[in-house]
Amino acid sequence: MKVPQELKYTNEHEWIKVEGNRAILGITDYAQHNLGDIVFVEIPELDAQVSSGDEVAVIESVKTVSSVYTPVSGTIVEINEALEENPELLNQEPYEQFIGIIEMDDPSSLDNLMTAEEYEQFCQEQG
């Protein structure tokens, strides 16, 4: 399981890469592995206002349907349209494929996220 050190993580298995006031949101290697073959991604709506904890995307796999939640509040300023045509990209490179980019209202919400080490420990406890 890959867990890049420079990212922040949620207990819902999303990752966040911070670039200035922007939070780039994706799903972790752990998430894509447990979902199995991803067959559909409902990407977020561009320019949508979101609050921390909101569902921003839905991922369907051969096994299940799973929601993607934002750990930060703000405005969705960019979406990864490639996932609509090629949802399997999330299985191939989960850390290279973002779901959306959020212009954050309050970057202090990042303080609630896990470091790579904390996330690895969390995944081990999940089994």
N, C-alpha and C. Protein backbone atom coordinates (compact mmCIF):
# COMPACT_ATOMS: atom_id res chain seq x y z
N MET A 1 0.84 -1.18 0.00
CA MET A 1 0.00 0.00 0.00
C MET A 1 0.89 1.25 0.00
N LYS A 2 0.65 2.12 -0.97
CA LYS A 2 1.40 3.36 -1.06
C LYS A 2 0.72 4.43 -0.21
N VAL A 3 1.52 5.18 0.54
CA VAL A 3 1.03 6.31 1.35
C VAL A 3 2.05 7.44 1.23
N PRO A 4 1.90 8.31 0.22
CA PRO A 4 2.85 9.40 0.06
C PRO A 4 2.93 10.28 1.31
N GLN A 5 4.15 10.60 1.70
CA GLN A 5 4.41 11.34 2.94
C GLN A 5 3.90 12.78 2.90
N GLU A 6 3.86 13.39 1.72
CA GLU A 6 3.54 14.82 1.64
C GLU A 6 2.04 15.13 1.70
N LEU A 7 1.21 14.09 1.70
CA LEU A 7 -0.24 14.28 1.69
C LEU A 7 -0.83 14.21 3.09
N LYS A 8 -2.07 14.69 3.20
CA LYS A 8 -2.87 14.56 4.43
C LYS A 8 -3.98 13.56 4.12
N TYR A 9 -4.50 12.90 5.17
CA TYR A 9 -5.47 11.82 4.96
C TYR A 9 -6.67 11.94 5.89
N THR A 10 -7.81 11.37 5.42
CA THR A 10 -9.03 11.33 6.24
C THR A 10 -9.31 9.90 6.66
N ASN A 11 -10.20 9.74 7.64
CA ASN A 11 -10.58 8.39 8.04
C ASN A 11 -11.60 7.77 7.07
N GLU A 12 -11.98 8.52 6.03
CA GLU A 12 -12.83 7.98 4.96
C GLU A 12 -11.99 7.57 3.75
N HIS A 13 -10.66 7.60 3.90
CA HIS A 13 -9.70 7.16 2.89
C HIS A 13 -9.60 8.10 1.69
N GLU A 14 -9.71 9.40 1.98
CA GLU A 14 -9.41 10.41 0.97
C GLU A 14 -8.04 11.01 1.29
N TRP A 15 -7.38 11.53 0.26
CA TRP A 15 -6.14 12.26 0.46
C TRP A 15 -6.33 13.70 0.04
N ILE A 16 -5.52 14.56 0.64
CA ILE A 16 -5.53 15.99 0.32
C ILE A 16 -4.08 16.42 0.09
N LYS A 17 -3.87 17.11 -1.02
CA LYS A 17 -2.59 17.75 -1.28
C LYS A 17 -2.85 19.25 -1.22
N VAL A 18 -2.10 19.94 -0.40
CA VAL A 18 -2.30 21.38 -0.21
C VAL A 18 -1.34 22.15 -1.10
N GLU A 19 -1.90 23.06 -1.90
CA GLU A 19 -1.09 23.97 -2.72
C GLU A 19 -1.64 25.37 -2.50
N GLY A 20 -0.99 26.12 -1.61
CA GLY A 20 -1.47 27.45 -1.28
C GLY A 20 -2.80 27.36 -0.55
N ASN A 21 -3.84 27.99 -1.12
CA ASN A 21 -5.17 27.96 -0.53
C ASN A 21 -6.07 26.92 -1.19
N ARG A 22 -5.44 26.03 -1.96
CA ARG A 22 -6.20 24.99 -2.67
C ARG A 22 -5.92 23.61 -2.07
N ALA A 23 -7.00 22.84 -1.98
CA ALA A 23 -6.90 21.46 -1.50
C ALA A 23 -7.26 20.54 -2.66
N ILE A 24 -6.31 19.72 -3.07
CA ILE A 24 -6.53 18.75 -4.15
C ILE A 24 -7.00 17.46 -3.48
N LEU A 25 -8.15 16.95 -3.90
CA LEU A 25 -8.81 15.82 -3.24
C LEU A 25 -8.81 14.58 -4.13
N GLY A 26 -8.45 13.44 -3.52
CA GLY A 26 -8.49 12.17 -4.23
C GLY A 26 -8.76 11.04 -3.26
N ILE A 27 -8.73 9.81 -3.77
CA ILE A 27 -8.90 8.64 -2.90
C ILE A 27 -7.56 7.91 -2.78
N THR A 28 -7.39 7.22 -1.67
CA THR A 28 -6.12 6.56 -1.38
C THR A 28 -6.00 5.22 -2.09
N ASP A 29 -4.78 4.72 -2.08
CA ASP A 29 -4.49 3.39 -2.60
C ASP A 29 -5.30 2.34 -1.83
N TYR A 30 -5.39 2.51 -0.53
CA TYR A 30 -6.18 1.61 0.32
C TYR A 30 -7.64 1.59 -0.17
N ALA A 31 -8.20 2.76 -0.44
CA ALA A 31 -9.59 2.87 -0.89
C ALA A 31 -9.80 2.18 -2.22
N GLN A 32 -8.95 2.48 -3.20
CA GLN A 32 -9.15 1.89 -4.52
C GLN A 32 -8.98 0.38 -4.48
N HIS A 33 -8.05 -0.10 -3.64
CA HIS A 33 -7.83 -1.54 -3.52
C HIS A 33 -9.07 -2.23 -2.94
N ASN A 34 -9.66 -1.62 -1.92
CA ASN A 34 -10.84 -2.21 -1.29
C ASN A 34 -12.10 -2.08 -2.15
N LEU A 35 -12.16 -1.05 -2.98
CA LEU A 35 -13.30 -0.90 -3.88
C LEU A 35 -13.27 -1.95 -4.99
N GLY A 36 -12.09 -2.32 -5.44
CA GLY A 36 -11.99 -3.21 -6.59
C GLY A 36 -12.06 -2.40 -7.87
N ASP A 37 -12.43 -3.04 -8.96
CA ASP A 37 -12.45 -2.38 -10.26
C ASP A 37 -13.49 -1.27 -10.29
N ILE A 38 -13.02 -0.04 -10.45
CA ILE A 38 -13.91 1.13 -10.49
C ILE A 38 -14.48 1.26 -11.90
N VAL A 39 -15.82 1.36 -11.97
CA VAL A 39 -16.50 1.39 -13.26
C VAL A 39 -17.20 2.71 -13.56
N PHE A 40 -17.38 3.56 -12.54
CA PHE A 40 -18.06 4.84 -12.76
C PHE A 40 -17.67 5.82 -11.67
N VAL A 41 -17.47 7.09 -12.05
CA VAL A 41 -17.21 8.15 -11.07
C VAL A 41 -18.14 9.31 -11.39
N GLU A 42 -18.95 9.67 -10.39
CA GLU A 42 -19.76 10.88 -10.50
C GLU A 42 -18.93 11.99 -9.87
N ILE A 43 -18.38 12.85 -10.73
CA ILE A 43 -17.47 13.89 -10.25
C ILE A 43 -18.25 15.07 -9.67
N PRO A 44 -17.58 15.90 -8.88
CA PRO A 44 -18.27 17.05 -8.28
C PRO A 44 -18.70 18.06 -9.33
N GLU A 45 -19.59 18.94 -8.91
CA GLU A 45 -20.04 20.01 -9.78
C GLU A 45 -19.09 21.20 -9.65
N LEU A 46 -18.65 21.70 -10.78
CA LEU A 46 -17.74 22.85 -10.80
C LEU A 46 -18.44 24.07 -10.19
N ASP A 47 -17.70 24.85 -9.42
CA ASP A 47 -18.19 26.06 -8.76
C ASP A 47 -19.15 25.79 -7.61
N ALA A 48 -19.32 24.53 -7.23
CA ALA A 48 -20.21 24.21 -6.10
C ALA A 48 -19.57 24.66 -4.79
N GLN A 49 -20.39 25.19 -3.89
CA GLN A 49 -19.95 25.52 -2.54
C GLN A 49 -20.08 24.25 -1.71
N VAL A 50 -19.03 23.87 -1.01
CA VAL A 50 -19.06 22.66 -0.18
C VAL A 50 -18.60 22.98 1.23
N SER A 51 -19.12 22.19 2.16
CA SER A 51 -18.72 22.31 3.56
C SER A 51 -18.01 21.04 3.97
N SER A 52 -17.12 21.16 4.93
CA SER A 52 -16.40 20.00 5.44
C SER A 52 -17.38 18.90 5.81
N GLY A 53 -17.15 17.69 5.29
CA GLY A 53 -18.01 16.55 5.55
C GLY A 53 -19.05 16.29 4.47
N ASP A 54 -19.20 17.22 3.51
CA ASP A 54 -20.16 17.03 2.43
C ASP A 54 -19.71 15.94 1.47
N GLU A 55 -20.68 15.20 0.92
CA GLU A 55 -20.39 14.27 -0.17
C GLU A 55 -20.16 15.09 -1.43
N VAL A 56 -19.02 14.85 -2.10
CA VAL A 56 -18.71 15.62 -3.31
C VAL A 56 -18.61 14.75 -4.56
N ALA A 57 -18.53 13.44 -4.38
CA ALA A 57 -18.44 12.53 -5.52
C ALA A 57 -18.94 11.16 -5.10
N VAL A 58 -19.26 10.35 -6.12
CA VAL A 58 -19.67 8.97 -5.88
C VAL A 58 -18.85 8.07 -6.80
N ILE A 59 -18.33 7.01 -6.21
CA ILE A 59 -17.53 6.05 -6.99
C ILE A 59 -18.25 4.71 -6.97
N GLU A 60 -18.46 4.15 -8.16
CA GLU A 60 -19.06 2.83 -8.27
C GLU A 60 -17.99 1.85 -8.73
N SER A 61 -17.95 0.70 -8.06
CA SER A 61 -17.04 -0.36 -8.46
C SER A 61 -17.86 -1.61 -8.69
N VAL A 62 -17.19 -2.68 -9.10
CA VAL A 62 -17.90 -3.94 -9.31
C VAL A 62 -18.43 -4.49 -7.99
N LYS A 63 -17.86 -4.05 -6.86
CA LYS A 63 -18.26 -4.54 -5.55
C LYS A 63 -19.30 -3.68 -4.85
N THR A 64 -19.20 -2.34 -5.00
CA THR A 64 -19.98 -1.45 -4.15
C THR A 64 -20.06 -0.05 -4.72
N VAL A 65 -20.83 0.79 -4.04
CA VAL A 65 -20.90 2.22 -4.34
C VAL A 65 -20.38 2.93 -3.10
N SER A 66 -19.51 3.92 -3.31
CA SER A 66 -18.89 4.61 -2.18
C SER A 66 -18.91 6.12 -2.41
N SER A 67 -19.15 6.86 -1.35
CA SER A 67 -19.14 8.32 -1.43
C SER A 67 -17.74 8.85 -1.13
N VAL A 68 -17.45 10.01 -1.71
CA VAL A 68 -16.21 10.73 -1.42
C VAL A 68 -16.63 12.03 -0.73
N TYR A 69 -16.02 12.29 0.42
CA TYR A 69 -16.36 13.45 1.23
C TYR A 69 -15.22 14.45 1.24
N THR A 70 -15.56 15.72 1.33
CA THR A 70 -14.52 16.75 1.44
C THR A 70 -14.24 17.03 2.91
N PRO A 71 -12.97 17.06 3.28
CA PRO A 71 -12.62 17.40 4.66
C PRO A 71 -12.47 18.91 4.87
N VAL A 72 -12.63 19.69 3.79
CA VAL A 72 -12.48 21.15 3.88
C VAL A 72 -13.69 21.83 3.24
N SER A 73 -13.94 23.06 3.67
CA SER A 73 -15.02 23.87 3.10
C SER A 73 -14.44 24.81 2.06
N GLY A 74 -15.29 25.14 1.06
CA GLY A 74 -14.84 26.07 0.04
C GLY A 74 -15.61 25.91 -1.24
N THR A 75 -14.96 26.27 -2.35
CA THR A 75 -15.57 26.22 -3.68
C THR A 75 -14.78 25.26 -4.56
N ILE A 76 -15.49 24.40 -5.26
CA ILE A 76 -14.82 23.48 -6.20
C ILE A 76 -14.44 24.28 -7.44
N VAL A 77 -13.14 24.43 -7.66
CA VAL A 77 -12.64 25.27 -8.75
C VAL A 77 -12.12 24.47 -9.94
N GLU A 78 -11.93 23.17 -9.74
CA GLU A 78 -11.48 22.32 -10.84
C GLU A 78 -11.94 20.90 -10.58
N ILE A 79 -12.28 20.19 -11.66
CA ILE A 79 -12.68 18.79 -11.56
C ILE A 79 -11.89 17.97 -12.57
N ASN A 80 -11.77 16.69 -12.30
CA ASN A 80 -11.02 15.80 -13.20
C ASN A 80 -12.01 15.11 -14.14
N GLU A 81 -12.29 15.76 -15.26
CA GLU A 81 -13.27 15.24 -16.21
C GLU A 81 -12.83 13.93 -16.84
N ALA A 82 -11.54 13.64 -16.85
CA ALA A 82 -11.04 12.39 -17.44
C ALA A 82 -11.65 11.17 -16.75
N LEU A 83 -12.03 11.32 -15.48
CA LEU A 83 -12.59 10.19 -14.74
C LEU A 83 -13.97 9.78 -15.24
N GLU A 84 -14.67 10.69 -15.91
CA GLU A 84 -15.99 10.34 -16.45
C GLU A 84 -15.86 9.28 -17.55
N GLU A 85 -14.85 9.43 -18.39
CA GLU A 85 -14.63 8.50 -19.50
C GLU A 85 -13.75 7.31 -19.09
N ASN A 86 -12.86 7.54 -18.12
CA ASN A 86 -11.89 6.52 -17.72
C ASN A 86 -11.83 6.38 -16.20
N PRO A 87 -12.89 5.87 -15.58
CA PRO A 87 -12.90 5.77 -14.11
C PRO A 87 -11.81 4.86 -13.56
N GLU A 88 -11.34 3.92 -14.39
CA GLU A 88 -10.31 2.98 -13.95
C GLU A 88 -8.98 3.66 -13.65
N LEU A 89 -8.82 4.92 -14.06
CA LEU A 89 -7.60 5.66 -13.74
C LEU A 89 -7.38 5.73 -12.23
N LEU A 90 -8.46 5.74 -11.45
CA LEU A 90 -8.32 5.76 -10.00
C LEU A 90 -7.71 4.47 -9.47
N ASN A 91 -7.96 3.35 -10.15
CA ASN A 91 -7.33 2.09 -9.76
C ASN A 91 -5.85 2.08 -10.14
N GLN A 92 -5.54 2.65 -11.29
CA GLN A 92 -4.17 2.59 -11.81
C GLN A 92 -3.23 3.52 -11.05
N GLU A 93 -3.62 4.75 -10.82
CA GLU A 93 -2.76 5.74 -10.17
C GLU A 93 -3.58 6.62 -9.23
N PRO A 94 -3.97 6.10 -8.06
CA PRO A 94 -4.87 6.87 -7.19
C PRO A 94 -4.28 8.20 -6.71
N TYR A 95 -2.96 8.31 -6.67
CA TYR A 95 -2.35 9.55 -6.19
C TYR A 95 -2.02 10.51 -7.33
N GLU A 96 -2.17 10.05 -8.57
CA GLU A 96 -1.96 10.92 -9.73
C GLU A 96 -3.28 11.47 -10.24
N GLN A 97 -4.39 10.86 -9.85
CA GLN A 97 -5.71 11.25 -10.32
C GLN A 97 -6.51 11.91 -9.21
N PHE A 98 -6.71 13.21 -9.32
CA PHE A 98 -7.52 13.91 -8.33
C PHE A 98 -8.99 13.84 -8.74
N ILE A 99 -9.86 14.06 -7.79
CA ILE A 99 -11.30 14.10 -8.07
C ILE A 99 -11.76 15.55 -8.24
N GLY A 100 -11.29 16.41 -7.36
CA GLY A 100 -11.63 17.82 -7.45
C GLY A 100 -10.61 18.67 -6.71
N ILE A 101 -10.59 19.96 -7.04
CA ILE A 101 -9.73 20.91 -6.35
C ILE A 101 -10.64 21.95 -5.70
N ILE A 102 -10.42 22.17 -4.41
CA ILE A 102 -11.28 23.06 -3.63
C ILE A 102 -10.48 24.28 -3.18
N GLU A 103 -10.99 25.46 -3.51
CA GLU A 103 -10.44 26.71 -2.98
C GLU A 103 -10.98 26.81 -1.57
N MET A 104 -10.09 26.69 -0.58
CA MET A 104 -10.53 26.58 0.81
C MET A 104 -10.98 27.91 1.41
N ASP A 105 -12.08 27.85 2.19
CA ASP A 105 -12.54 29.00 2.97
C ASP A 105 -11.71 29.13 4.24
N ASP A 106 -11.38 27.98 4.84
CA ASP A 106 -10.71 27.98 6.14
C ASP A 106 -9.67 26.86 6.19
N PRO A 107 -8.42 27.16 5.83
CA PRO A 107 -7.37 26.13 5.82
C PRO A 107 -7.12 25.49 7.19
N SER A 108 -7.62 26.07 8.27
CA SER A 108 -7.38 25.47 9.60
C SER A 108 -8.04 24.10 9.74
N SER A 109 -9.04 23.79 8.88
CA SER A 109 -9.68 22.47 8.94
C SER A 109 -8.69 21.36 8.57
N LEU A 110 -7.59 21.72 7.92
CA LEU A 110 -6.56 20.74 7.58
C LEU A 110 -5.91 20.16 8.84
N ASP A 111 -6.00 20.90 9.94
CA ASP A 111 -5.40 20.45 11.20
C ASP A 111 -6.02 19.15 11.70
N ASN A 112 -7.24 18.84 11.25
CA ASN A 112 -7.94 17.63 11.69
C ASN A 112 -7.55 16.38 10.90
N LEU A 113 -6.73 16.55 9.87
CA LEU A 113 -6.37 15.42 9.02
C LEU A 113 -5.16 14.67 9.56
N MET A 114 -5.02 13.43 9.08
CA MET A 114 -3.92 12.57 9.53
C MET A 114 -2.68 12.76 8.67
N THR A 115 -1.53 12.57 9.30
CA THR A 115 -0.28 12.51 8.56
C THR A 115 -0.19 11.12 7.90
N ALA A 116 0.80 10.93 7.05
CA ALA A 116 0.98 9.63 6.40
C ALA A 116 1.18 8.53 7.45
N GLU A 117 1.97 8.81 8.48
CA GLU A 117 2.23 7.80 9.51
C GLU A 117 0.95 7.45 10.27
N GLU A 118 0.18 8.48 10.61
CA GLU A 118 -1.08 8.24 11.33
C GLU A 118 -2.06 7.45 10.46
N TYR A 119 -2.08 7.77 9.17
CA TYR A 119 -2.99 7.07 8.25
C TYR A 119 -2.58 5.61 8.09
N GLU A 120 -1.29 5.35 7.97
CA GLU A 120 -0.83 3.95 7.87
C GLU A 120 -1.26 3.16 9.09
N GLN A 121 -1.10 3.74 10.28
CA GLN A 121 -1.52 3.10 11.52
C GLN A 121 -3.03 2.85 11.52
N PHE A 122 -3.79 3.86 11.06
CA PHE A 122 -5.24 3.75 10.98
C PHE A 122 -5.65 2.58 10.07
N CYS A 123 -5.00 2.45 8.91
CA CYS A 123 -5.32 1.38 7.97
C CYS A 123 -4.98 0.00 8.57
N GLN A 124 -3.87 -0.09 9.31
CA GLN A 124 -3.52 -1.36 9.95
C GLN A 124 -4.57 -1.77 10.96
N GLU A 125 -5.11 -0.79 11.69
CA GLU A 125 -6.15 -1.07 12.66
C GLU A 125 -7.47 -1.48 12.00
N GLN A 126 -7.68 -1.03 10.76
CA GLN A 126 -8.89 -1.39 10.02
C GLN A 126 -8.87 -2.87 9.60
N GLY A 127 -7.68 -3.40 9.46
CA GLY A 127 -7.54 -4.82 9.12
C GLY A 127 -7.40 -5.09 7.68
